[in-house]
Amino acid sequence: MENPVHEYWKIRLNDVKKSLEGNNFEVFLAETTTEALRIFFDDIVTPTGAKTFSWGGTLTMRATGVHEELLKDRSKTVLNPDDPEMSPDQRLERRRESLLVDIYLMGCNALVDTGQLVNLDAIGNRVGALTFGPKYVVVFVGRNKIVSSLDGAMGRIKEYVAPANCLRLDKKTPCAKTGLCEDCASPDRICNSWTITEKSFPKGRIKVILINQDLGL
């Protein structure tokens, strides 16, 4: 077999898909970021008739190029929360407005293979949108985000994802210096709001694209 790792994850992701579907998520499997991009437009945007879009911070989504395609499409209204011409106050207001779009795009910090999404947020815009507001939420998930337990998910986020994101964002937190979570009280702390999404309500509102690649943090 030429690529046993890829085939291993193909099997695992199919099992994760079944678990998520049992929890009322709509799930799509993609072999590559290119396929994930096609799925988003052909299998999600077109059937839903979505016209307005926004997103939360996510390296995985950006790896697909979907945000660039949306920004180029004049027929769609995109509330870009990352517009460099906006002031910090304007960006915060844009994040509030994003809670009422047709489709909100995001990544996921960790996904338990029994079908739960686990996220830890700084401002709360991502987890707020995931829980309520947008008509639909599309979650892009690389295979490296899959874990086998809730404890594993929370450990992954606190011990790896959060310190790595603090380094990426040049935050002045203890973990950015030591690589270890110190449950800090820093003004730059990004670990503020946990969510564990057990099921999608209504059924199919949250759509998950599982990608057979290592993506994001």
C-alpha atoms as a PDB file:
ATOM      1  CA  MET A   1       0.000   0.000   0.000  1.00  0.00           C
ATOM      2  CA  GLU A   2       1.459   3.351  -1.085  1.00  0.00           C
ATOM      3  CA  ASN A   3      -0.066   5.598   1.560  1.00  0.00           C
ATOM      4  CA  PRO A   4      -1.155   3.651   4.647  1.00  0.00           C
ATOM      5  CA  VAL A   5      -1.485   6.787   6.790  1.00  0.00           C
ATOM      6  CA  HIS A   6      -3.964   8.309   4.357  1.00  0.00           C
ATOM      7  CA  GLU A   7      -5.933   5.062   4.179  1.00  0.00           C
ATOM      8  CA  TYR A   8      -5.919   4.761   7.970  1.00  0.00           C
ATOM      9  CA  TRP A   9      -7.439   8.205   8.291  1.00  0.00           C
ATOM     10  CA  LYS A  10      -9.951   7.465   5.562  1.00  0.00           C
ATOM     11  CA  ILE A  11     -11.305   4.663   7.758  1.00  0.00           C
ATOM     12  CA  ARG A  12     -11.191   6.784  10.931  1.00  0.00           C
ATOM     13  CA  LEU A  13     -12.907   9.757   9.320  1.00  0.00           C
ATOM     14  CA  ASN A  14     -15.702   7.584   7.974  1.00  0.00           C
ATOM     15  CA  ASP A  15     -16.330   6.351  11.527  1.00  0.00           C
ATOM     16  CA  VAL A  16     -16.244   9.926  12.855  1.00  0.00           C
ATOM     17  CA  LYS A  17     -18.741  10.916  10.151  1.00  0.00           C
ATOM     18  CA  LYS A  18     -21.182   8.281  11.393  1.00  0.00           C
ATOM     19  CA  SER A  19     -20.773   9.457  14.987  1.00  0.00           C
ATOM     20  CA  LEU A  20     -21.411  13.078  14.038  1.00  0.00           C
ATOM     21  CA  GLU A  21     -24.430  12.170  11.928  1.00  0.00           C
ATOM     22  CA  GLY A  22     -25.825  10.313  14.935  1.00  0.00           C
ATOM     23  CA  ASN A  23     -25.641  13.657  16.743  1.00  0.00           C
ATOM     24  CA  ASN A  24     -27.606  15.483  14.017  1.00  0.00           C
ATOM     25  CA  PHE A  25     -24.640  17.151  12.286  1.00  0.00           C
ATOM     26  CA  GLU A  26     -24.551  17.088   8.484  1.00  0.00           C
ATOM     27  CA  VAL A  27     -21.148  15.735   7.490  1.00  0.00           C
ATOM     28  CA  PHE A  28     -19.054  15.730   4.324  1.00  0.00           C
ATOM     29  CA  LEU A  29     -15.775  13.911   3.673  1.00  0.00           C
ATOM     30  CA  ALA A  30     -13.028  15.589   1.640  1.00  0.00           C
ATOM     31  CA  GLU A  31      -9.724  14.054   0.612  1.00  0.00           C
ATOM     32  CA  THR A  32      -8.086  17.455   0.083  1.00  0.00           C
ATOM     33  CA  THR A  33      -8.611  21.155   0.734  1.00  0.00           C
ATOM     34  CA  THR A  34      -9.513  21.525  -2.947  1.00  0.00           C
ATOM     35  CA  GLU A  35     -12.328  19.020  -2.544  1.00  0.00           C
ATOM     36  CA  ALA A  36     -13.452  20.763   0.645  1.00  0.00           C
ATOM     37  CA  LEU A  37     -13.734  24.012  -1.319  1.00  0.00           C
ATOM     38  CA  ARG A  38     -15.893  22.321  -3.964  1.00  0.00           C
ATOM     39  CA  ILE A  39     -18.097  20.708  -1.326  1.00  0.00           C
ATOM     40  CA  PHE A  40     -18.661  24.048   0.370  1.00  0.00           C
ATOM     41  CA  PHE A  41     -19.954  25.755  -2.751  1.00  0.00           C
ATOM     42  CA  ASP A  42     -21.658  22.852  -4.544  1.00  0.00           C
ATOM     43  CA  ASP A  43     -23.109  20.878  -1.650  1.00  0.00           C
ATOM     44  CA  ILE A  44     -23.751  23.579   0.941  1.00  0.00           C
ATOM     45  CA  VAL A  45     -24.015  27.088  -0.526  1.00  0.00           C
ATOM     46  CA  THR A  46     -26.078  26.137  -3.583  1.00  0.00           C
ATOM     47  CA  PRO A  47     -28.669  23.960  -1.782  1.00  0.00           C
ATOM     48  CA  THR A  48     -29.137  26.452   1.073  1.00  0.00           C
ATOM     49  CA  GLY A  49     -29.328  29.500  -1.196  1.00  0.00           C
ATOM     50  CA  ALA A  50     -27.109  31.389   1.236  1.00  0.00           C
ATOM     51  CA  LYS A  51     -26.349  35.018   0.379  1.00  0.00           C
ATOM     52  CA  THR A  52     -24.531  36.377   3.437  1.00  0.00           C
ATOM     53  CA  PHE A  53     -21.328  35.004   4.956  1.00  0.00           C
ATOM     54  CA  SER A  54     -18.785  35.599   7.679  1.00  0.00           C
ATOM     55  CA  TRP A  55     -16.235  33.623   9.671  1.00  0.00           C
ATOM     56  CA  GLY A  56     -14.222  33.254  12.829  1.00  0.00           C
ATOM     57  CA  GLY A  57     -10.458  32.940  13.031  1.00  0.00           C
ATOM     58  CA  THR A  58      -9.418  29.630  11.472  1.00  0.00           C
ATOM     59  CA  LEU A  59      -6.246  28.485   9.737  1.00  0.00           C
ATOM     60  CA  THR A  60      -7.991  25.353   8.455  1.00  0.00           C
ATOM     61  CA  MET A  61     -10.670  27.296   6.587  1.00  0.00           C
ATOM     62  CA  ARG A  62      -8.041  29.616   5.128  1.00  0.00           C
ATOM     63  CA  ALA A  63      -6.094  26.625   3.823  1.00  0.00           C
ATOM     64  CA  THR A  64      -9.063  25.798   1.577  1.00  0.00           C
ATOM     65  CA  GLY A  65      -9.110  29.278   0.011  1.00  0.00           C
ATOM     66  CA  VAL A  66     -12.856  29.559   0.597  1.00  0.00           C
ATOM     67  CA  HIS A  67     -12.655  33.039   2.128  1.00  0.00           C
ATOM     68  CA  GLU A  68     -10.801  34.351  -0.924  1.00  0.00           C
ATOM     69  CA  GLU A  69     -13.428  32.902  -3.265  1.00  0.00           C
ATOM     70  CA  LEU A  70     -16.234  34.462  -1.238  1.00  0.00           C
ATOM     71  CA  LEU A  71     -14.561  37.877  -1.228  1.00  0.00           C
ATOM     72  CA  LYS A  72     -14.200  37.750  -5.026  1.00  0.00           C
ATOM     73  CA  ASP A  73     -17.875  36.922  -5.632  1.00  0.00           C
ATOM     74  CA  ARG A  74     -19.805  40.181  -6.046  1.00  0.00           C
ATOM     75  CA  SER A  75     -23.146  38.326  -5.858  1.00  0.00           C
ATOM     76  CA  LYS A  76     -22.513  37.458  -2.208  1.00  0.00           C
ATOM     77  CA  THR A  77     -22.447  39.701   0.845  1.00  0.00           C
ATOM     78  CA  VAL A  78     -19.399  39.004   2.984  1.00  0.00           C
ATOM     79  CA  LEU A  79     -18.939  40.520   6.427  1.00  0.00           C
ATOM     80  CA  ASN A  80     -15.166  40.307   6.625  1.00  0.00           C
ATOM     81  CA  PRO A  81     -14.135  40.492  10.303  1.00  0.00           C
ATOM     82  CA  ASP A  82     -10.469  40.771   9.318  1.00  0.00           C
ATOM     83  CA  ASP A  83     -10.696  43.879   7.122  1.00  0.00           C
ATOM     84  CA  PRO A  84      -7.373  45.674   7.810  1.00  0.00           C
ATOM     85  CA  GLU A  85      -8.949  49.071   7.121  1.00  0.00           C
ATOM     86  CA  MET A  86     -11.284  48.759  10.108  1.00  0.00           C
ATOM     87  CA  SER A  87     -10.459  50.010  13.586  1.00  0.00           C
ATOM     88  CA  PRO A  88     -10.528  47.558  16.533  1.00  0.00           C
ATOM     89  CA  ASP A  89     -13.968  48.871  17.531  1.00  0.00           C
ATOM     90  CA  GLN A  90     -15.246  48.416  13.977  1.00  0.00           C
ATOM     91  CA  ARG A  91     -13.894  44.866  13.858  1.00  0.00           C
ATOM     92  CA  LEU A  92     -15.666  44.063  17.111  1.00  0.00           C
ATOM     93  CA  GLU A  93     -18.926  45.445  15.727  1.00  0.00           C
ATOM     94  CA  ARG A  94     -18.425  43.409  12.553  1.00  0.00           C
ATOM     95  CA  ARG A  95     -18.141  40.284  14.681  1.00  0.00           C
ATOM     96  CA  ARG A  96     -21.469  41.128  16.301  1.00  0.00           C
ATOM     97  CA  GLU A  97     -23.086  41.629  12.903  1.00  0.00           C
ATOM     98  CA  SER A  98     -21.671  38.282  11.780  1.00  0.00           C
ATOM     99  CA  LEU A  99     -23.992  36.469  14.175  1.00  0.00           C
ATOM    100  CA  LEU A 100     -26.902  37.033  11.770  1.00  0.00           C
ATOM    101  CA  VAL A 101     -25.425  35.802   8.479  1.00  0.00           C
ATOM    102  CA  ASP A 102     -26.766  32.878   6.459  1.00  0.00           C
ATOM    103  CA  ILE A 103     -23.535  30.869   6.746  1.00  0.00           C
ATOM    104  CA  TYR A 104     -20.808  31.275   9.346  1.00  0.00           C
ATOM    105  CA  LEU A 105     -17.504  29.504   8.673  1.00  0.00           C
ATOM    106  CA  MET A 106     -15.087  28.326  11.342  1.00  0.00           C
ATOM    107  CA  GLY A 107     -12.606  25.673  12.346  1.00  0.00           C
ATOM    108  CA  CYS A 108     -12.637  23.443  15.399  1.00  0.00           C
ATOM    109  CA  ASN A 109     -10.007  23.166  18.133  1.00  0.00           C
ATOM    110  CA  ALA A 110     -10.707  19.475  18.733  1.00  0.00           C
ATOM    111  CA  LEU A 111     -13.282  16.898  17.666  1.00  0.00           C
ATOM    112  CA  VAL A 112     -14.008  13.842  19.800  1.00  0.00           C
ATOM    113  CA  ASP A 113     -14.418  10.755  17.636  1.00  0.00           C
ATOM    114  CA  THR A 114     -17.720   9.999  19.365  1.00  0.00           C
ATOM    115  CA  GLY A 115     -19.144  13.119  17.709  1.00  0.00           C
ATOM    116  CA  GLN A 116     -18.614  16.224  19.878  1.00  0.00           C
ATOM    117  CA  LEU A 117     -17.039  19.536  18.859  1.00  0.00           C
ATOM    118  CA  VAL A 118     -14.819  21.162  21.496  1.00  0.00           C
ATOM    119  CA  ASN A 119     -13.707  24.791  21.255  1.00  0.00           C
ATOM    120  CA  LEU A 120     -12.041  27.410  23.442  1.00  0.00           C
ATOM    121  CA  ASP A 121     -12.454  31.047  22.434  1.00  0.00           C
ATOM    122  CA  ALA A 122     -10.982  34.412  23.348  1.00  0.00           C
ATOM    123  CA  ILE A 123     -13.735  36.893  22.442  1.00  0.00           C
ATOM    124  CA  GLY A 124     -16.535  34.349  22.104  1.00  0.00           C
ATOM    125  CA  ASN A 125     -17.554  35.224  18.549  1.00  0.00           C
ATOM    126  CA  ARG A 126     -16.798  31.751  17.168  1.00  0.00           C
ATOM    127  CA  VAL A 127     -18.464  29.764  19.920  1.00  0.00           C
ATOM    128  CA  GLY A 128     -21.337  32.242  20.062  1.00  0.00           C
ATOM    129  CA  ALA A 129     -22.048  31.776  16.355  1.00  0.00           C
ATOM    130  CA  LEU A 130     -21.672  28.023  16.647  1.00  0.00           C
ATOM    131  CA  THR A 131     -24.297  27.915  19.383  1.00  0.00           C
ATOM    132  CA  PHE A 132     -26.902  30.360  18.048  1.00  0.00           C
ATOM    133  CA  GLY A 133     -27.386  33.089  15.449  1.00  0.00           C
ATOM    134  CA  PRO A 134     -26.349  32.238  11.897  1.00  0.00           C
ATOM    135  CA  LYS A 135     -28.775  30.089   9.902  1.00  0.00           C
ATOM    136  CA  TYR A 136     -25.998  27.592   9.231  1.00  0.00           C
ATOM    137  CA  VAL A 137     -22.492  27.007  10.532  1.00  0.00           C
ATOM    138  CA  VAL A 138     -19.859  25.214   8.440  1.00  0.00           C
ATOM    139  CA  VAL A 139     -16.971  23.741  10.416  1.00  0.00           C
ATOM    140  CA  PHE A 140     -13.767  22.795   8.576  1.00  0.00           C
ATOM    141  CA  VAL A 141     -11.843  20.064  10.400  1.00  0.00           C
ATOM    142  CA  GLY A 142      -8.473  18.523   9.533  1.00  0.00           C
ATOM    143  CA  ARG A 143      -7.759  14.948  10.608  1.00  0.00           C
ATOM    144  CA  ASN A 144      -5.207  16.159  13.159  1.00  0.00           C
ATOM    145  CA  LYS A 145      -8.044  17.598  15.268  1.00  0.00           C
ATOM    146  CA  ILE A 146      -9.558  14.163  15.977  1.00  0.00           C
ATOM    147  CA  VAL A 147      -9.144  12.865  19.537  1.00  0.00           C
ATOM    148  CA  SER A 148     -10.605   9.892  21.383  1.00  0.00           C
ATOM    149  CA  SER A 149     -11.982  11.537  24.531  1.00  0.00           C
ATOM    150  CA  LEU A 150     -13.266  14.788  25.964  1.00  0.00           C
ATOM    151  CA  ASP A 151     -10.265  14.926  28.291  1.00  0.00           C
ATOM    152  CA  GLY A 152      -8.036  14.458  25.261  1.00  0.00           C
ATOM    153  CA  ALA A 153      -9.801  17.314  23.478  1.00  0.00           C
ATOM    154  CA  MET A 154      -9.405  19.728  26.370  1.00  0.00           C
ATOM    155  CA  GLY A 155      -5.819  18.668  26.926  1.00  0.00           C
ATOM    156  CA  ARG A 156      -5.000  19.161  23.258  1.00  0.00           C
ATOM    157  CA  ILE A 157      -6.431  22.665  23.345  1.00  0.00           C
ATOM    158  CA  LYS A 158      -4.826  23.846  26.586  1.00  0.00           C
ATOM    159  CA  GLU A 159      -1.471  22.126  26.130  1.00  0.00           C
ATOM    160  CA  TYR A 160      -0.910  22.712  22.414  1.00  0.00           C
ATOM    161  CA  VAL A 161      -3.480  24.781  20.514  1.00  0.00           C
ATOM    162  CA  ALA A 162      -3.655  27.740  22.901  1.00  0.00           C
ATOM    163  CA  PRO A 163       0.121  28.178  23.395  1.00  0.00           C
ATOM    164  CA  ALA A 164       0.701  27.803  19.647  1.00  0.00           C
ATOM    165  CA  ASN A 165      -1.991  30.378  18.869  1.00  0.00           C
ATOM    166  CA  CYS A 166      -0.527  32.798  21.413  1.00  0.00           C
ATOM    167  CA  LEU A 167       2.823  32.488  19.638  1.00  0.00           C
ATOM    168  CA  ARG A 168       1.153  32.950  16.240  1.00  0.00           C
ATOM    169  CA  LEU A 169      -0.692  36.056  17.408  1.00  0.00           C
ATOM    170  CA  ASP A 170       2.265  37.533  19.341  1.00  0.00           C
ATOM    171  CA  LYS A 171       0.364  37.465  22.621  1.00  0.00           C
ATOM    172  CA  LYS A 172       2.193  38.419  25.817  1.00  0.00           C
ATOM    173  CA  THR A 173       1.146  35.378  27.823  1.00  0.00           C
ATOM    174  CA  PRO A 174       3.206  33.002  29.983  1.00  0.00           C
ATOM    175  CA  CYS A 175       2.501  30.092  27.619  1.00  0.00           C
ATOM    176  CA  ALA A 176       4.033  32.044  24.733  1.00  0.00           C
ATOM    177  CA  LYS A 177       7.316  31.961  26.670  1.00  0.00           C
ATOM    178  CA  THR A 178       7.213  28.503  28.246  1.00  0.00           C
ATOM    179  CA  GLY A 179       4.949  26.547  25.890  1.00  0.00           C
ATOM    180  CA  LEU A 180       2.941  25.455  28.937  1.00  0.00           C
ATOM    181  CA  CYS A 181      -0.497  26.569  30.107  1.00  0.00           C
ATOM    182  CA  GLU A 182      -0.225  28.407  33.417  1.00  0.00           C
ATOM    183  CA  ASP A 183      -3.934  29.283  33.726  1.00  0.00           C
ATOM    184  CA  CYS A 184      -2.814  32.893  33.523  1.00  0.00           C
ATOM    185  CA  ALA A 185      -4.509  36.181  34.304  1.00  0.00           C
ATOM    186  CA  SER A 186      -2.763  37.987  31.449  1.00  0.00           C
ATOM    187  CA  PRO A 187      -4.680  40.748  29.622  1.00  0.00           C
ATOM    188  CA  ASP A 188      -3.681  38.874  26.448  1.00  0.00           C
ATOM    189  CA  ARG A 189      -5.214  35.576  27.614  1.00  0.00           C
ATOM    190  CA  ILE A 190      -7.137  33.879  24.785  1.00  0.00           C
ATOM    191  CA  CYS A 191      -8.641  31.026  26.864  1.00  0.00           C
ATOM    192  CA  ASN A 192     -11.945  32.494  28.003  1.00  0.00           C
ATOM    193  CA  SER A 193     -15.010  30.601  26.753  1.00  0.00           C
ATOM    194  CA  TRP A 194     -15.339  26.822  26.412  1.00  0.00           C
ATOM    195  CA  THR A 195     -18.060  25.091  24.402  1.00  0.00           C
ATOM    196  CA  ILE A 196     -18.779  21.404  23.997  1.00  0.00           C
ATOM    197  CA  THR A 197     -21.246  20.963  21.151  1.00  0.00           C
ATOM    198  CA  GLU A 198     -22.940  17.614  21.744  1.00  0.00           C
ATOM    199  CA  LYS A 199     -25.497  17.824  18.944  1.00  0.00           C
ATOM    200  CA  SER A 200     -26.623  20.113  16.143  1.00  0.00           C
ATOM    201  CA  PHE A 201     -29.943  21.824  16.769  1.00  0.00           C
ATOM    202  CA  PRO A 202     -31.860  22.091  14.586  1.00  0.00           C
ATOM    203  CA  LYS A 203     -30.719  18.927  12.832  1.00  0.00           C
ATOM    204  CA  GLY A 204     -28.305  19.788  10.018  1.00  0.00           C
ATOM    205  CA  ARG A 205     -27.764  23.416  11.060  1.00  0.00           C
ATOM    206  CA  ILE A 206     -24.125  22.670  11.831  1.00  0.00           C
ATOM    207  CA  LYS A 207     -22.314  21.161   8.863  1.00  0.00           C
ATOM    208  CA  VAL A 208     -18.891  19.579   9.272  1.00  0.00           C
ATOM    209  CA  ILE A 209     -16.374  19.065   6.467  1.00  0.00           C
ATOM    210  CA  LEU A 210     -13.827  16.437   7.539  1.00  0.00           C
ATOM    211  CA  ILE A 211     -10.615  16.790   5.536  1.00  0.00           C
ATOM    212  CA  ASN A 212      -8.081  13.954   5.213  1.00  0.00           C
ATOM    213  CA  GLN A 213      -5.114  16.277   5.737  1.00  0.00           C
ATOM    214  CA  ASP A 214      -3.304  17.774   8.727  1.00  0.00           C
ATOM    215  CA  LEU A 215      -4.500  21.383   8.814  1.00  0.00           C
ATOM    216  CA  GLY A 216      -4.348  24.300  11.221  1.00  0.00           C
ATOM    217  CA  LEU A 217      -3.271  23.986  14.840  1.00  0.00           C
END
